[in-house]
């Protein structure tokens, strides 16, 4: 599997580019907006898809976007082209945030993604993304409070929402969040 390419952009096409790596040209599928913004010397992370009719390389500027792409392709009905479009619809944090919030409109605005597919992505990934997110156990500004609430059986999203407007000591914030959650 080809996981990374480092070379010179030999050609910029419509939805693809050709990267010259030591005299060998690799066709890499990427969104048009990213292709135009790339410098002539590139280092791309790639995902190789093998089909009966050939192979296709999907390119990404960084590993975080590639990991989001991999996560999106686990949803049935979301192929690599759609997953790449979604993963590049904003920064990785923005896309994950919209998925965790259940923002069907954001996902549906991506070309080729309908309302049902958007709902399916949210249903299957929002909990996973919230749990693996950058606020993993003990980190972030509400780390101790979130750990306590998750220890009581609440999800990360529920804990985050309940802690939004709380103030005071850790104990005060947990009490206020529990009151909010019990309503």
C-alpha atoms as a PDB file:
ATOM      1  CA  UNK A   1       0.000   0.000   0.000  1.00  0.00           C
ATOM      2  CA  UNK A   2       1.243   3.464  -0.869  1.00  0.00           C
ATOM      3  CA  UNK A   3       0.887   5.536   2.315  1.00  0.00           C
ATOM      4  CA  UNK A   4       2.875   8.664   1.448  1.00  0.00           C
ATOM      5  CA  UNK A   5       4.300  10.475  -1.548  1.00  0.00           C
ATOM      6  CA  UNK A   6       6.989  13.132  -1.591  1.00  0.00           C
ATOM      7  CA  UNK A   7       7.816  14.768  -4.875  1.00  0.00           C
ATOM      8  CA  UNK A   8       7.082  17.432  -7.460  1.00  0.00           C
ATOM      9  CA  UNK A   9       3.670  18.230  -8.897  1.00  0.00           C
ATOM     10  CA  UNK A  10       4.025  17.375 -12.601  1.00  0.00           C
ATOM     11  CA  UNK A  11       0.410  18.096 -13.612  1.00  0.00           C
ATOM     12  CA  UNK A  12      -2.724  19.561 -12.024  1.00  0.00           C
ATOM     13  CA  UNK A  13      -5.900  18.103 -13.514  1.00  0.00           C
ATOM     14  CA  UNK A  14      -9.599  18.336 -12.737  1.00  0.00           C
ATOM     15  CA  UNK A  15      -9.896  16.543  -9.373  1.00  0.00           C
ATOM     16  CA  UNK A  16      -6.458  14.952  -9.545  1.00  0.00           C
ATOM     17  CA  UNK A  17      -2.788  15.746  -9.750  1.00  0.00           C
ATOM     18  CA  UNK A  18       0.236  13.813 -10.884  1.00  0.00           C
ATOM     19  CA  UNK A  19       3.144  13.721  -8.459  1.00  0.00           C
ATOM     20  CA  UNK A  20       6.576  12.907  -9.856  1.00  0.00           C
ATOM     21  CA  UNK A  21       8.481  10.802  -7.332  1.00  0.00           C
ATOM     22  CA  UNK A  22      11.957   9.922  -8.622  1.00  0.00           C
ATOM     23  CA  UNK A  23      10.762   9.769 -12.225  1.00  0.00           C
ATOM     24  CA  UNK A  24       7.530   7.852 -11.539  1.00  0.00           C
ATOM     25  CA  UNK A  25       4.223   9.723 -11.877  1.00  0.00           C
ATOM     26  CA  UNK A  26       1.479   8.925  -9.365  1.00  0.00           C
ATOM     27  CA  UNK A  27      -2.082  10.064 -10.071  1.00  0.00           C
ATOM     28  CA  UNK A  28      -3.585  11.310  -6.788  1.00  0.00           C
ATOM     29  CA  UNK A  29      -7.275  12.169  -6.377  1.00  0.00           C
ATOM     30  CA  UNK A  30      -7.824  15.353  -4.372  1.00  0.00           C
ATOM     31  CA  UNK A  31     -10.431  18.122  -4.130  1.00  0.00           C
ATOM     32  CA  UNK A  32      -9.957  20.870  -6.719  1.00  0.00           C
ATOM     33  CA  UNK A  33      -9.557  23.641  -4.122  1.00  0.00           C
ATOM     34  CA  UNK A  34      -6.633  21.828  -2.489  1.00  0.00           C
ATOM     35  CA  UNK A  35      -4.929  21.021  -5.773  1.00  0.00           C
ATOM     36  CA  UNK A  36      -4.736  24.709  -6.705  1.00  0.00           C
ATOM     37  CA  UNK A  37      -3.343  25.644  -3.269  1.00  0.00           C
ATOM     38  CA  UNK A  38      -0.529  23.079  -3.214  1.00  0.00           C
ATOM     39  CA  UNK A  39       3.057  24.212  -3.803  1.00  0.00           C
ATOM     40  CA  UNK A  40       5.126  22.550  -6.541  1.00  0.00           C
ATOM     41  CA  UNK A  41       6.997  20.385  -3.993  1.00  0.00           C
ATOM     42  CA  UNK A  42       4.536  18.254  -1.995  1.00  0.00           C
ATOM     43  CA  UNK A  43       4.403  15.631   0.704  1.00  0.00           C
ATOM     44  CA  UNK A  44       1.022  13.899   0.718  1.00  0.00           C
ATOM     45  CA  UNK A  45      -0.433  11.142   2.862  1.00  0.00           C
ATOM     46  CA  UNK A  46      -2.385   8.707   0.725  1.00  0.00           C
ATOM     47  CA  UNK A  47      -4.974   5.981   0.881  1.00  0.00           C
ATOM     48  CA  UNK A  48      -4.866   3.392  -1.892  1.00  0.00           C
ATOM     49  CA  UNK A  49      -8.105   1.800  -3.080  1.00  0.00           C
ATOM     50  CA  UNK A  50      -7.832  -1.369  -5.170  1.00  0.00           C
ATOM     51  CA  UNK A  51     -10.755  -2.345  -7.376  1.00  0.00           C
ATOM     52  CA  UNK A  52     -11.259  -4.830 -10.194  1.00  0.00           C
ATOM     53  CA  UNK A  53     -10.766  -2.072 -12.751  1.00  0.00           C
ATOM     54  CA  UNK A  54      -7.619  -0.592 -11.205  1.00  0.00           C
ATOM     55  CA  UNK A  55      -6.161   1.328  -8.302  1.00  0.00           C
ATOM     56  CA  UNK A  56      -6.813   4.832  -7.072  1.00  0.00           C
ATOM     57  CA  UNK A  57      -4.805   7.003  -4.670  1.00  0.00           C
ATOM     58  CA  UNK A  58      -6.611   9.535  -2.491  1.00  0.00           C
ATOM     59  CA  UNK A  59      -4.354  12.316  -1.227  1.00  0.00           C
ATOM     60  CA  UNK A  60      -4.384  14.291   2.030  1.00  0.00           C
ATOM     61  CA  UNK A  61      -2.259  17.154   3.289  1.00  0.00           C
ATOM     62  CA  UNK A  62      -1.958  15.815   6.847  1.00  0.00           C
ATOM     63  CA  UNK A  63      -2.424  12.648   8.864  1.00  0.00           C
ATOM     64  CA  UNK A  64      -5.388  13.998  10.872  1.00  0.00           C
ATOM     65  CA  UNK A  65      -7.446  14.449   7.704  1.00  0.00           C
ATOM     66  CA  UNK A  66      -6.491  10.960   6.540  1.00  0.00           C
ATOM     67  CA  UNK A  67      -7.555   9.483   9.890  1.00  0.00           C
ATOM     68  CA  UNK A  68     -10.928  11.280   9.649  1.00  0.00           C
ATOM     69  CA  UNK A  69     -11.271   9.903   6.110  1.00  0.00           C
ATOM     70  CA  UNK A  70     -10.641   6.371   7.424  1.00  0.00           C
ATOM     71  CA  UNK A  71     -13.257   6.875  10.130  1.00  0.00           C
ATOM     72  CA  UNK A  72     -15.806   8.127   7.558  1.00  0.00           C
ATOM     73  CA  UNK A  73     -15.251   5.132   5.266  1.00  0.00           C
ATOM     74  CA  UNK A  74     -16.368   2.798   8.083  1.00  0.00           C
ATOM     75  CA  UNK A  75     -19.924   4.109   7.608  1.00  0.00           C
ATOM     76  CA  UNK A  76     -21.762   1.906   5.113  1.00  0.00           C
ATOM     77  CA  UNK A  77     -22.776   3.869   2.051  1.00  0.00           C
ATOM     78  CA  UNK A  78     -19.869   6.320   2.361  1.00  0.00           C
ATOM     79  CA  UNK A  79     -17.265   5.569  -0.270  1.00  0.00           C
ATOM     80  CA  UNK A  80     -13.778   7.010  -0.530  1.00  0.00           C
ATOM     81  CA  UNK A  81     -14.784   9.914  -2.822  1.00  0.00           C
ATOM     82  CA  UNK A  82     -17.561  11.035  -0.491  1.00  0.00           C
ATOM     83  CA  UNK A  83     -15.389  10.536   2.592  1.00  0.00           C
ATOM     84  CA  UNK A  84     -12.635  12.666   1.055  1.00  0.00           C
ATOM     85  CA  UNK A  85     -15.095  15.467   0.280  1.00  0.00           C
ATOM     86  CA  UNK A  86     -16.425  15.418   3.852  1.00  0.00           C
ATOM     87  CA  UNK A  87     -12.956  15.246   5.427  1.00  0.00           C
ATOM     88  CA  UNK A  88     -11.939  18.322   3.423  1.00  0.00           C
ATOM     89  CA  UNK A  89     -15.156  20.301   4.021  1.00  0.00           C
ATOM     90  CA  UNK A  90     -13.319  22.254   6.749  1.00  0.00           C
ATOM     91  CA  UNK A  91     -10.565  21.673   9.243  1.00  0.00           C
ATOM     92  CA  UNK A  92     -10.643  18.285  10.949  1.00  0.00           C
ATOM     93  CA  UNK A  93     -11.817  19.884  14.217  1.00  0.00           C
ATOM     94  CA  UNK A  94     -14.629  21.761  12.440  1.00  0.00           C
ATOM     95  CA  UNK A  95     -15.884  18.641  10.635  1.00  0.00           C
ATOM     96  CA  UNK A  96     -15.730  16.564  13.834  1.00  0.00           C
ATOM     97  CA  UNK A  97     -17.537  19.308  15.736  1.00  0.00           C
ATOM     98  CA  UNK A  98     -20.376  19.367  13.196  1.00  0.00           C
ATOM     99  CA  UNK A  99     -20.667  15.577  13.358  1.00  0.00           C
ATOM    100  CA  UNK A 100     -20.759  15.600  17.183  1.00  0.00           C
ATOM    101  CA  UNK A 101     -23.370  18.395  17.174  1.00  0.00           C
ATOM    102  CA  UNK A 102     -25.540  16.413  14.784  1.00  0.00           C
ATOM    103  CA  UNK A 103     -25.398  19.124  12.116  1.00  0.00           C
ATOM    104  CA  UNK A 104     -27.175  17.418   9.198  1.00  0.00           C
ATOM    105  CA  UNK A 105     -27.223  20.676   7.190  1.00  0.00           C
ATOM    106  CA  UNK A 106     -23.409  20.961   7.235  1.00  0.00           C
ATOM    107  CA  UNK A 107     -22.900  17.405   5.987  1.00  0.00           C
ATOM    108  CA  UNK A 108     -25.742  17.655   3.449  1.00  0.00           C
ATOM    109  CA  UNK A 109     -24.071  20.753   1.968  1.00  0.00           C
ATOM    110  CA  UNK A 110     -21.154  18.559   0.853  1.00  0.00           C
ATOM    111  CA  UNK A 111     -21.715  17.596  -2.819  1.00  0.00           C
ATOM    112  CA  UNK A 112     -22.974  14.028  -3.125  1.00  0.00           C
ATOM    113  CA  UNK A 113     -24.083  13.706   0.511  1.00  0.00           C
ATOM    114  CA  UNK A 114     -27.816  13.474   1.055  1.00  0.00           C
ATOM    115  CA  UNK A 115     -29.804  13.948   4.225  1.00  0.00           C
ATOM    116  CA  UNK A 116     -30.059  10.214   4.970  1.00  0.00           C
ATOM    117  CA  UNK A 117     -26.330   9.670   4.532  1.00  0.00           C
ATOM    118  CA  UNK A 118     -25.603  12.687   6.736  1.00  0.00           C
ATOM    119  CA  UNK A 119     -27.892  11.293   9.448  1.00  0.00           C
ATOM    120  CA  UNK A 120     -26.213   7.898   9.192  1.00  0.00           C
ATOM    121  CA  UNK A 121     -22.733   9.460   9.571  1.00  0.00           C
ATOM    122  CA  UNK A 122     -23.877  11.385  12.643  1.00  0.00           C
ATOM    123  CA  UNK A 123     -25.554   8.338  14.156  1.00  0.00           C
ATOM    124  CA  UNK A 124     -22.551   6.055  13.654  1.00  0.00           C
ATOM    125  CA  UNK A 125     -19.678   8.463  14.355  1.00  0.00           C
ATOM    126  CA  UNK A 126     -20.761  11.163  16.829  1.00  0.00           C
ATOM    127  CA  UNK A 127     -20.193   8.992  19.909  1.00  0.00           C
ATOM    128  CA  UNK A 128     -16.946   7.532  18.594  1.00  0.00           C
ATOM    129  CA  UNK A 129     -15.514  10.943  17.715  1.00  0.00           C
ATOM    130  CA  UNK A 130     -16.564  12.381  21.078  1.00  0.00           C
ATOM    131  CA  UNK A 131     -14.836   9.566  22.964  1.00  0.00           C
ATOM    132  CA  UNK A 132     -11.622   9.596  20.946  1.00  0.00           C
ATOM    133  CA  UNK A 133     -11.585  13.375  20.634  1.00  0.00           C
ATOM    134  CA  UNK A 134      -8.900  15.758  21.744  1.00  0.00           C
ATOM    135  CA  UNK A 135     -10.521  15.987  25.171  1.00  0.00           C
ATOM    136  CA  UNK A 136      -9.575  12.439  26.063  1.00  0.00           C
ATOM    137  CA  UNK A 137      -9.553  11.486  29.708  1.00  0.00           C
ATOM    138  CA  UNK A 138      -8.013  14.106  31.938  1.00  0.00           C
ATOM    139  CA  UNK A 139      -7.225  16.694  29.270  1.00  0.00           C
ATOM    140  CA  UNK A 140      -8.831  19.953  28.271  1.00  0.00           C
ATOM    141  CA  UNK A 141     -10.088  22.732  30.483  1.00  0.00           C
ATOM    142  CA  UNK A 142     -12.881  20.610  32.038  1.00  0.00           C
ATOM    143  CA  UNK A 143     -10.877  17.386  32.266  1.00  0.00           C
ATOM    144  CA  UNK A 144     -11.480  16.535  35.919  1.00  0.00           C
ATOM    145  CA  UNK A 145     -15.164  17.464  35.764  1.00  0.00           C
ATOM    146  CA  UNK A 146     -15.716  15.498  32.554  1.00  0.00           C
ATOM    147  CA  UNK A 147     -13.950  12.463  34.013  1.00  0.00           C
ATOM    148  CA  UNK A 148     -16.215  12.589  37.062  1.00  0.00           C
ATOM    149  CA  UNK A 149     -19.401  12.862  34.994  1.00  0.00           C
ATOM    150  CA  UNK A 150     -18.304  10.136  32.580  1.00  0.00           C
ATOM    151  CA  UNK A 151     -17.511   7.966  35.602  1.00  0.00           C
ATOM    152  CA  UNK A 152     -21.169   8.370  36.574  1.00  0.00           C
ATOM    153  CA  UNK A 153     -22.279   7.049  33.181  1.00  0.00           C
ATOM    154  CA  UNK A 154     -22.801  10.234  31.147  1.00  0.00           C
ATOM    155  CA  UNK A 155     -21.345  10.595  27.653  1.00  0.00           C
ATOM    156  CA  UNK A 156     -18.623  13.143  26.868  1.00  0.00           C
ATOM    157  CA  UNK A 157     -21.123  15.244  24.899  1.00  0.00           C
ATOM    158  CA  UNK A 158     -23.605  15.272  27.782  1.00  0.00           C
ATOM    159  CA  UNK A 159     -20.829  16.253  30.189  1.00  0.00           C
ATOM    160  CA  UNK A 160     -19.531  19.008  27.881  1.00  0.00           C
ATOM    161  CA  UNK A 161     -23.019  20.440  27.411  1.00  0.00           C
ATOM    162  CA  UNK A 162     -23.785  20.355  31.134  1.00  0.00           C
ATOM    163  CA  UNK A 163     -20.499  22.083  32.046  1.00  0.00           C
ATOM    164  CA  UNK A 164     -20.767  24.906  29.492  1.00  0.00           C
ATOM    165  CA  UNK A 165     -21.981  27.732  31.742  1.00  0.00           C
ATOM    166  CA  UNK A 166     -20.851  26.479  35.143  1.00  0.00           C
ATOM    167  CA  UNK A 167     -18.518  28.462  37.401  1.00  0.00           C
ATOM    168  CA  UNK A 168     -16.653  27.955  40.660  1.00  0.00           C
ATOM    169  CA  UNK A 169     -14.570  25.142  42.048  1.00  0.00           C
ATOM    170  CA  UNK A 170     -14.431  21.678  40.511  1.00  0.00           C
ATOM    171  CA  UNK A 171     -16.972  20.424  43.046  1.00  0.00           C
ATOM    172  CA  UNK A 172     -19.331  23.366  42.406  1.00  0.00           C
ATOM    173  CA  UNK A 173     -19.136  22.809  38.661  1.00  0.00           C
ATOM    174  CA  UNK A 174     -19.868  19.088  39.025  1.00  0.00           C
ATOM    175  CA  UNK A 175     -22.859  19.800  41.307  1.00  0.00           C
ATOM    176  CA  UNK A 176     -24.232  22.364  38.829  1.00  0.00           C
ATOM    177  CA  UNK A 177     -23.720  19.964  35.917  1.00  0.00           C
ATOM    178  CA  UNK A 178     -25.473  17.134  37.768  1.00  0.00           C
ATOM    179  CA  UNK A 179     -28.432  19.418  38.499  1.00  0.00           C
ATOM    180  CA  UNK A 180     -28.580  20.313  34.798  1.00  0.00           C
ATOM    181  CA  UNK A 181     -28.373  16.662  33.746  1.00  0.00           C
ATOM    182  CA  UNK A 182     -31.079  15.530  36.167  1.00  0.00           C
ATOM    183  CA  UNK A 183     -33.692  17.826  34.614  1.00  0.00           C
END
